[in-house]
């Protein structure tokens, strides 16, 4: 999600923010178009240039990027964890 935010919105944010936004988008689908959701972005992406934003690092650790419709489908299929 953090890669999509960088490409689509020009926001270089970290992995934690990517997870938060993915969860928020999932919640938004559930709550509907009139809902208001506040998401706090706790990290910057410049700290992840050698990890999350590095294609070689991602490949070495077995990560593949999900984009476009596949990203939307992945977000839609998330399962909430309730505490």
PDB file of N, CA and C in Angstrom:
ATOM      1  N   UNK A   1       0.823  -1.191   0.000  1.00  0.00           N
ATOM      2  CA  UNK A   1       0.000   0.000   0.000  1.00  0.00           C
ATOM      3  C   UNK A   1       0.864   1.249   0.000  1.00  0.00           C
ATOM      4  N   UNK A   2       2.001   1.220   0.704  1.00  0.00           N
ATOM      5  CA  UNK A   2       2.840   2.418   0.741  1.00  0.00           C
ATOM      6  C   UNK A   2       3.389   2.738  -0.652  1.00  0.00           C
ATOM      7  N   UNK A   3       3.649   1.733  -1.480  1.00  0.00           N
ATOM      8  CA  UNK A   3       4.078   1.985  -2.858  1.00  0.00           C
ATOM      9  C   UNK A   3       2.951   2.645  -3.652  1.00  0.00           C
ATOM     10  N   UNK A   4       1.727   2.181  -3.465  1.00  0.00           N
ATOM     11  CA  UNK A   4       0.581   2.767  -4.161  1.00  0.00           C
ATOM     12  C   UNK A   4       0.376   4.220  -3.736  1.00  0.00           C
ATOM     13  N   UNK A   5       0.553   4.506  -2.453  1.00  0.00           N
ATOM     14  CA  UNK A   5       0.423   5.892  -1.971  1.00  0.00           C
ATOM     15  C   UNK A   5       1.487   6.783  -2.603  1.00  0.00           C
ATOM     16  N   UNK A   6       2.687   6.246  -2.761  1.00  0.00           N
ATOM     17  CA  UNK A   6       3.759   7.031  -3.386  1.00  0.00           C
ATOM     18  C   UNK A   6       3.442   7.303  -4.852  1.00  0.00           C
ATOM     19  N   UNK A   7       2.986   6.285  -5.572  1.00  0.00           N
ATOM     20  CA  UNK A   7       2.680   6.445  -6.992  1.00  0.00           C
ATOM     21  C   UNK A   7       1.435   7.299  -7.227  1.00  0.00           C
ATOM     22  N   UNK A   8       0.360   6.983  -6.518  1.00  0.00           N
ATOM     23  CA  UNK A   8      -0.929   7.631  -6.783  1.00  0.00           C
ATOM     24  C   UNK A   8      -1.034   9.025  -6.188  1.00  0.00           C
ATOM     25  N   UNK A   9      -0.477   9.209  -4.994  1.00  0.00           N
ATOM     26  CA  UNK A   9      -0.675  10.457  -4.252  1.00  0.00           C
ATOM     27  C   UNK A   9       0.588  11.278  -4.062  1.00  0.00           C
ATOM     28  N   UNK A  10       1.745  10.717  -4.411  1.00  0.00           N
ATOM     29  CA  UNK A  10       2.998  11.430  -4.205  1.00  0.00           C
ATOM     30  C   UNK A  10       3.405  11.504  -2.743  1.00  0.00           C
ATOM     31  N   UNK A  11       2.931  10.557  -1.935  1.00  0.00           N
ATOM     32  CA  UNK A  11       3.230  10.541  -0.503  1.00  0.00           C
ATOM     33  C   UNK A  11       4.227   9.422  -0.203  1.00  0.00           C
ATOM     34  N   UNK A  12       5.406   9.785   0.271  1.00  0.00           N
ATOM     35  CA  UNK A  12       6.419   8.796   0.633  1.00  0.00           C
ATOM     36  C   UNK A  12       6.262   8.499   2.124  1.00  0.00           C
ATOM     37  N   UNK A  13       5.555   7.413   2.411  1.00  0.00           N
ATOM     38  CA  UNK A  13       5.234   7.039   3.788  1.00  0.00           C
ATOM     39  C   UNK A  13       5.725   5.634   4.060  1.00  0.00           C
ATOM     40  N   UNK A  14       5.799   5.270   5.323  1.00  0.00           N
ATOM     41  CA  UNK A  14       6.371   3.995   5.709  1.00  0.00           C
ATOM     42  C   UNK A  14       5.407   2.823   5.683  1.00  0.00           C
ATOM     43  N   UNK A  15       5.946   1.670   6.033  1.00  0.00           N
ATOM     44  CA  UNK A  15       5.191   0.417   6.002  1.00  0.00           C
ATOM     45  C   UNK A  15       4.031   0.429   6.994  1.00  0.00           C
ATOM     46  N   UNK A  16       4.216   1.017   8.156  1.00  0.00           N
ATOM     47  CA  UNK A  16       3.130   1.085   9.131  1.00  0.00           C
ATOM     48  C   UNK A  16       1.957   1.878   8.576  1.00  0.00           C
ATOM     49  N   UNK A  17       2.263   2.967   7.913  1.00  0.00           N
ATOM     50  CA  UNK A  17       1.209   3.759   7.296  1.00  0.00           C
ATOM     51  C   UNK A  17       0.515   2.970   6.194  1.00  0.00           C
ATOM     52  N   UNK A  18       1.275   2.214   5.419  1.00  0.00           N
ATOM     53  CA  UNK A  18       0.676   1.369   4.390  1.00  0.00           C
ATOM     54  C   UNK A  18      -0.334   0.410   4.978  1.00  0.00           C
ATOM     55  N   UNK A  19       0.001  -0.193   6.102  1.00  0.00           N
ATOM     56  CA  UNK A  19      -0.917  -1.119   6.771  1.00  0.00           C
ATOM     57  C   UNK A  19      -2.147  -0.386   7.294  1.00  0.00           C
ATOM     58  N   UNK A  20      -1.940   0.795   7.853  1.00  0.00           N
ATOM     59  CA  UNK A  20      -3.054   1.577   8.385  1.00  0.00           C
ATOM     60  C   UNK A  20      -4.006   1.989   7.264  1.00  0.00           C
ATOM     61  N   UNK A  21      -3.471   2.447   6.156  1.00  0.00           N
ATOM     62  CA  UNK A  21      -4.310   2.886   5.040  1.00  0.00           C
ATOM     63  C   UNK A  21      -5.052   1.693   4.431  1.00  0.00           C
ATOM     64  N   UNK A  22      -4.391   0.556   4.304  1.00  0.00           N
ATOM     65  CA  UNK A  22      -5.081  -0.632   3.788  1.00  0.00           C
ATOM     66  C   UNK A  22      -6.256  -0.999   4.691  1.00  0.00           C
ATOM     67  N   UNK A  23      -6.035  -0.976   5.988  1.00  0.00           N
ATOM     68  CA  UNK A  23      -7.123  -1.253   6.936  1.00  0.00           C
ATOM     69  C   UNK A  23      -8.222  -0.214   6.865  1.00  0.00           C
ATOM     70  N   UNK A  24      -7.842   1.049   6.716  1.00  0.00           N
ATOM     71  CA  UNK A  24      -8.823   2.118   6.610  1.00  0.00           C
ATOM     72  C   UNK A  24      -9.652   2.006   5.341  1.00  0.00           C
ATOM     73  N   UNK A  25      -9.023   1.645   4.235  1.00  0.00           N
ATOM     74  CA  UNK A  25      -9.762   1.468   2.986  1.00  0.00           C
ATOM     75  C   UNK A  25     -10.727   0.294   3.082  1.00  0.00           C
ATOM     76  N   UNK A  26     -10.293  -0.764   3.756  1.00  0.00           N
ATOM     77  CA  UNK A  26     -11.178  -1.907   3.966  1.00  0.00           C
ATOM     78  C   UNK A  26     -12.391  -1.480   4.805  1.00  0.00           C
ATOM     79  N   UNK A  27     -12.140  -0.761   5.877  1.00  0.00           N
ATOM     80  CA  UNK A  27     -13.217  -0.277   6.730  1.00  0.00           C
ATOM     81  C   UNK A  27     -14.160   0.645   5.955  1.00  0.00           C
ATOM     82  N   UNK A  28     -13.605   1.503   5.111  1.00  0.00           N
ATOM     83  CA  UNK A  28     -14.422   2.431   4.323  1.00  0.00           C
ATOM     84  C   UNK A  28     -15.383   1.677   3.408  1.00  0.00           C
ATOM     85  N   UNK A  29     -14.939   0.575   2.848  1.00  0.00           N
ATOM     86  CA  UNK A  29     -15.826  -0.232   1.999  1.00  0.00           C
ATOM     87  C   UNK A  29     -16.986  -0.778   2.819  1.00  0.00           C
ATOM     88  N   UNK A  30     -16.698  -1.152   4.042  1.00  0.00           N
ATOM     89  CA  UNK A  30     -17.714  -1.715   4.929  1.00  0.00           C
ATOM     90  C   UNK A  30     -18.699  -0.643   5.398  1.00  0.00           C
ATOM     91  N   UNK A  31     -18.190   0.542   5.759  1.00  0.00           N
ATOM     92  CA  UNK A  31     -19.027   1.595   6.334  1.00  0.00           C
ATOM     93  C   UNK A  31     -19.809   2.380   5.298  1.00  0.00           C
ATOM     94  N   UNK A  32     -19.322   2.444   4.078  1.00  0.00           N
ATOM     95  CA  UNK A  32     -20.044   3.140   3.031  1.00  0.00           C
ATOM     96  C   UNK A  32     -19.540   4.540   2.758  1.00  0.00           C
ATOM     97  N   UNK A  33     -20.111   5.180   1.735  1.00  0.00           N
ATOM     98  CA  UNK A  33     -19.575   6.453   1.244  1.00  0.00           C
ATOM     99  C   UNK A  33     -19.763   7.651   2.177  1.00  0.00           C
ATOM    100  N   UNK A  34     -20.676   7.588   3.124  1.00  0.00           N
ATOM    101  CA  UNK A  34     -20.896   8.726   4.026  1.00  0.00           C
ATOM    102  C   UNK A  34     -20.047   8.665   5.295  1.00  0.00           C
ATOM    103  N   UNK A  35     -19.271   7.614   5.445  1.00  0.00           N
ATOM    104  CA  UNK A  35     -18.461   7.435   6.655  1.00  0.00           C
ATOM    105  C   UNK A  35     -17.260   8.379   6.655  1.00  0.00           C
ATOM    106  N   UNK A  36     -16.812   8.719   7.817  1.00  0.00           N
ATOM    107  CA  UNK A  36     -15.590   9.506   8.003  1.00  0.00           C
ATOM    108  C   UNK A  36     -14.624   8.643   8.805  1.00  0.00           C
ATOM    109  N   UNK A  37     -13.403   8.539   8.315  1.00  0.00           N
ATOM    110  CA  UNK A  37     -12.394   7.708   8.967  1.00  0.00           C
ATOM    111  C   UNK A  37     -11.134   8.545   9.152  1.00  0.00           C
ATOM    112  N   UNK A  38     -10.589   8.528  10.346  1.00  0.00           N
ATOM    113  CA  UNK A  38      -9.341   9.224  10.646  1.00  0.00           C
ATOM    114  C   UNK A  38      -8.235   8.190  10.739  1.00  0.00           C
ATOM    115  N   UNK A  39      -7.170   8.409   9.972  1.00  0.00           N
ATOM    116  CA  UNK A  39      -6.008   7.516  10.029  1.00  0.00           C
ATOM    117  C   UNK A  39      -4.782   8.366  10.360  1.00  0.00           C
ATOM    118  N   UNK A  40      -4.031   7.941  11.344  1.00  0.00           N
ATOM    119  CA  UNK A  40      -2.820   8.659  11.730  1.00  0.00           C
ATOM    120  C   UNK A  40      -1.629   7.935  11.131  1.00  0.00           C
ATOM    121  N   UNK A  41      -0.810   8.677  10.404  1.00  0.00           N
ATOM    122  CA  UNK A  41       0.347   8.103   9.723  1.00  0.00           C
ATOM    123  C   UNK A  41       1.599   8.307  10.577  1.00  0.00           C
ATOM    124  N   UNK A  42       2.074   7.233  11.234  1.00  0.00           N
ATOM    125  CA  UNK A  42       3.136   7.380  12.212  1.00  0.00           C
ATOM    126  C   UNK A  42       4.558   7.387  11.662  1.00  0.00           C
ATOM    127  N   UNK A  43       4.734   7.202  10.354  1.00  0.00           N
ATOM    128  CA  UNK A  43       6.103   7.082   9.869  1.00  0.00           C
ATOM    129  C   UNK A  43       6.287   7.725   8.506  1.00  0.00           C
ATOM    130  N   UNK A  44       7.555   7.997   8.204  1.00  0.00           N
ATOM    131  CA  UNK A  44       7.928   8.580   6.917  1.00  0.00           C
ATOM    132  C   UNK A  44       8.592   7.488   6.079  1.00  0.00           C
ATOM    133  N   UNK A  45       8.491   7.631   4.778  1.00  0.00           N
ATOM    134  CA  UNK A  45       9.044   6.630   3.887  1.00  0.00           C
ATOM    135  C   UNK A  45      10.543   6.707   3.693  1.00  0.00           C
ATOM    136  N   UNK A  46      11.158   7.870   3.971  1.00  0.00           N
ATOM    137  CA  UNK A  46      12.601   7.978   3.758  1.00  0.00           C
ATOM    138  C   UNK A  46      13.386   7.006   4.632  1.00  0.00           C
ATOM    139  N   UNK A  47      12.805   6.546   5.692  1.00  0.00           N
ATOM    140  CA  UNK A  47      13.462   5.572   6.571  1.00  0.00           C
ATOM    141  C   UNK A  47      13.443   4.167   5.979  1.00  0.00           C
ATOM    142  N   UNK A  48      12.684   3.981   4.912  1.00  0.00           N
ATOM    143  CA  UNK A  48      12.502   2.659   4.316  1.00  0.00           C
ATOM    144  C   UNK A  48      13.068   2.567   2.904  1.00  0.00           C
ATOM    145  N   UNK A  49      13.876   3.520   2.489  1.00  0.00           N
ATOM    146  CA  UNK A  49      14.404   3.511   1.124  1.00  0.00           C
ATOM    147  C   UNK A  49      15.276   2.288   0.845  1.00  0.00           C
ATOM    148  N   UNK A  50      15.941   1.766   1.859  1.00  0.00           N
ATOM    149  CA  UNK A  50      16.807   0.599   1.672  1.00  0.00           C
ATOM    150  C   UNK A  50      16.101  -0.709   1.993  1.00  0.00           C
ATOM    151  N   UNK A  51      14.822  -0.640   2.342  1.00  0.00           N
ATOM    152  CA  UNK A  51      14.069  -1.867   2.639  1.00  0.00           C
ATOM    153  C   UNK A  51      12.782  -1.880   1.812  1.00  0.00           C
ATOM    154  N   UNK A  52      11.700  -1.390   2.343  1.00  0.00           N
ATOM    155  CA  UNK A  52      10.381  -1.481   1.712  1.00  0.00           C
ATOM    156  C   UNK A  52      10.353  -0.864   0.315  1.00  0.00           C
ATOM    157  N   UNK A  53      11.131   0.171   0.065  1.00  0.00           N
ATOM    158  CA  UNK A  53      11.139   0.825  -1.239  1.00  0.00           C
ATOM    159  C   UNK A  53      12.277   0.343  -2.138  1.00  0.00           C
ATOM    160  N   UNK A  54      12.988  -0.680  -1.753  1.00  0.00           N
ATOM    161  CA  UNK A  54      14.092  -1.218  -2.552  1.00  0.00           C
ATOM    162  C   UNK A  54      13.665  -2.544  -3.182  1.00  0.00           C
ATOM    163  N   UNK A  55      13.582  -2.575  -4.519  1.00  0.00           N
ATOM    164  CA  UNK A  55      13.120  -3.774  -5.220  1.00  0.00           C
ATOM    165  C   UNK A  55      13.979  -4.998  -4.921  1.00  0.00           C
ATOM    166  N   UNK A  56      15.278  -4.825  -4.796  1.00  0.00           N
ATOM    167  CA  UNK A  56      16.163  -5.957  -4.493  1.00  0.00           C
ATOM    168  C   UNK A  56      15.890  -6.509  -3.096  1.00  0.00           C
ATOM    169  N   UNK A  57      15.694  -5.621  -2.134  1.00  0.00           N
ATOM    170  CA  UNK A  57      15.399  -6.059  -0.768  1.00  0.00           C
ATOM    171  C   UNK A  57      14.079  -6.821  -0.737  1.00  0.00           C
ATOM    172  N   UNK A  58      13.066  -6.282  -1.413  1.00  0.00           N
ATOM    173  CA  UNK A  58      11.758  -6.954  -1.459  1.00  0.00           C
ATOM    174  C   UNK A  58      11.892  -8.348  -2.055  1.00  0.00           C
ATOM    175  N   UNK A  59      12.584  -8.447  -3.182  1.00  0.00           N
ATOM    176  CA  UNK A  59      12.763  -9.741  -3.853  1.00  0.00           C
ATOM    177  C   UNK A  59      13.527 -10.720  -2.968  1.00  0.00           C
ATOM    178  N   UNK A  60      14.590 -10.252  -2.353  1.00  0.00           N
ATOM    179  CA  UNK A  60      15.412 -11.105  -1.476  1.00  0.00           C
ATOM    180  C   UNK A  60      14.600 -11.671  -0.314  1.00  0.00           C
ATOM    181  N   UNK A  61      13.639 -10.912   0.186  1.00  0.00           N
ATOM    182  CA  UNK A  61      12.825 -11.344   1.323  1.00  0.00           C
ATOM    183  C   UNK A  61      11.493 -11.974   0.907  1.00  0.00           C
ATOM    184  N   UNK A  62      11.323 -12.198  -0.391  1.00  0.00           N
ATOM    185  CA  UNK A  62      10.146 -12.913  -0.874  1.00  0.00           C
ATOM    186  C   UNK A  62       8.876 -12.099  -0.997  1.00  0.00           C
ATOM    187  N   UNK A  63       9.010 -10.780  -1.053  1.00  0.00           N
ATOM    188  CA  UNK A  63       7.841  -9.923  -1.199  1.00  0.00           C
ATOM    189  C   UNK A  63       7.617  -9.595  -2.670  1.00  0.00           C
ATOM    190  N   UNK A  64       6.358  -9.551  -3.066  1.00  0.00           N
ATOM    191  CA  UNK A  64       5.997  -9.073  -4.397  1.00  0.00           C
ATOM    192  C   UNK A  64       4.970  -7.958  -4.220  1.00  0.00           C
ATOM    193  N   UNK A  65       5.037  -6.984  -5.085  1.00  0.00           N
ATOM    194  CA  UNK A  65       4.101  -5.867  -5.002  1.00  0.00           C
ATOM    195  C   UNK A  65       2.789  -6.243  -5.675  1.00  0.00           C
ATOM    196  N   UNK A  66       1.707  -5.881  -5.044  1.00  0.00           N
ATOM    197  CA  UNK A  66       0.374  -6.074  -5.585  1.00  0.00           C
ATOM    198  C   UNK A  66      -0.121  -4.706  -6.042  1.00  0.00           C
ATOM    199  N   UNK A  67      -0.586  -4.621  -7.289  1.00  0.00           N
ATOM    200  CA  UNK A  67      -0.953  -3.322  -7.833  1.00  0.00           C
ATOM    201  C   UNK A  67      -2.332  -3.360  -8.484  1.00  0.00           C
ATOM    202  N   UNK A  68      -2.870  -2.173  -8.718  1.00  0.00           N
ATOM    203  CA  UNK A  68      -4.113  -2.022  -9.462  1.00  0.00           C
ATOM    204  C   UNK A  68      -5.280  -2.774  -8.854  1.00  0.00           C
ATOM    205  N   UNK A  69      -6.019  -3.466  -9.708  1.00  0.00           N
ATOM    206  CA  UNK A  69      -7.195  -4.217  -9.256  1.00  0.00           C
ATOM    207  C   UNK A  69      -6.814  -5.282  -8.239  1.00  0.00           C
ATOM    208  N   UNK A  70      -5.624  -5.850  -8.396  1.00  0.00           N
ATOM    209  CA  UNK A  70      -5.192  -6.889  -7.459  1.00  0.00           C
ATOM    210  C   UNK A  70      -5.019  -6.317  -6.050  1.00  0.00           C
ATOM    211  N   UNK A  71      -4.525  -5.083  -5.962  1.00  0.00           N
ATOM    212  CA  UNK A  71      -4.397  -4.432  -4.663  1.00  0.00           C
ATOM    213  C   UNK A  71      -5.774  -4.154  -4.079  1.00  0.00           C
ATOM    214  N   UNK A  72      -6.687  -3.671  -4.902  1.00  0.00           N
ATOM    215  CA  UNK A  72      -8.051  -3.415  -4.432  1.00  0.00           C
ATOM    216  C   UNK A  72      -8.708  -4.704  -3.939  1.00  0.00           C
ATOM    217  N   UNK A  73      -8.509  -5.799  -4.679  1.00  0.00           N
ATOM    218  CA  UNK A  73      -9.066  -7.093  -4.268  1.00  0.00           C
ATOM    219  C   UNK A  73      -8.446  -7.570  -2.964  1.00  0.00           C
ATOM    220  N   UNK A  74      -7.128  -7.372  -2.806  1.00  0.00           N
ATOM    221  CA  UNK A  74      -6.451  -7.791  -1.574  1.00  0.00           C
ATOM    222  C   UNK A  74      -6.976  -7.008  -0.374  1.00  0.00           C
ATOM    223  N   UNK A  75      -7.190  -5.707  -0.553  1.00  0.00           N
ATOM    224  CA  UNK A  75      -7.733  -4.890   0.530  1.00  0.00           C
ATOM    225  C   UNK A  75      -9.154  -5.329   0.864  1.00  0.00           C
ATOM    226  N   UNK A  76      -9.948  -5.616  -0.158  1.00  0.00           N
ATOM    227  CA  UNK A  76     -11.332  -6.052   0.070  1.00  0.00           C
ATOM    228  C   UNK A  76     -11.396  -7.378   0.817  1.00  0.00           C
ATOM    229  N   UNK A  77     -10.371  -8.216   0.646  1.00  0.00           N
ATOM    230  CA  UNK A  77     -10.390  -9.542   1.283  1.00  0.00           C
ATOM    231  C   UNK A  77      -9.761  -9.574   2.671  1.00  0.00           C
ATOM    232  N   UNK A  78      -9.341  -8.433   3.177  1.00  0.00           N
ATOM    233  CA  UNK A  78      -8.752  -8.392   4.526  1.00  0.00           C
ATOM    234  C   UNK A  78      -9.777  -8.861   5.554  1.00  0.00           C
ATOM    235  N   UNK A  79      -9.272  -9.476   6.610  1.00  0.00           N
ATOM    236  CA  UNK A  79     -10.124  -9.922   7.700  1.00  0.00           C
ATOM    237  C   UNK A  79      -9.776  -9.101   8.946  1.00  0.00           C
ATOM    238  N   UNK A  80     -10.738  -8.359   9.485  1.00  0.00           N
ATOM    239  CA  UNK A  80     -10.458  -7.563  10.692  1.00  0.00           C
ATOM    240  C   UNK A  80     -10.081  -8.443  11.888  1.00  0.00           C
ATOM    241  N   UNK A  81      -9.238  -7.908  12.736  1.00  0.00           N
ATOM    242  CA  UNK A  81      -8.863  -8.565  13.986  1.00  0.00           C
ATOM    243  C   UNK A  81      -9.424  -7.700  15.104  1.00  0.00           C
ATOM    244  N   UNK A  82     -10.308  -8.239  15.886  1.00  0.00           N
ATOM    245  CA  UNK A  82     -10.941  -7.481  16.966  1.00  0.00           C
ATOM    246  C   UNK A  82     -10.265  -7.803  18.289  1.00  0.00           C
ATOM    247  N   UNK A  83     -10.055  -6.786  19.097  1.00  0.00           N
ATOM    248  CA  UNK A  83      -9.434  -6.965  20.403  1.00  0.00           C
ATOM    249  C   UNK A  83     -10.469  -6.930  21.494  1.00  0.00           C
TER     250      UNK A  83
END
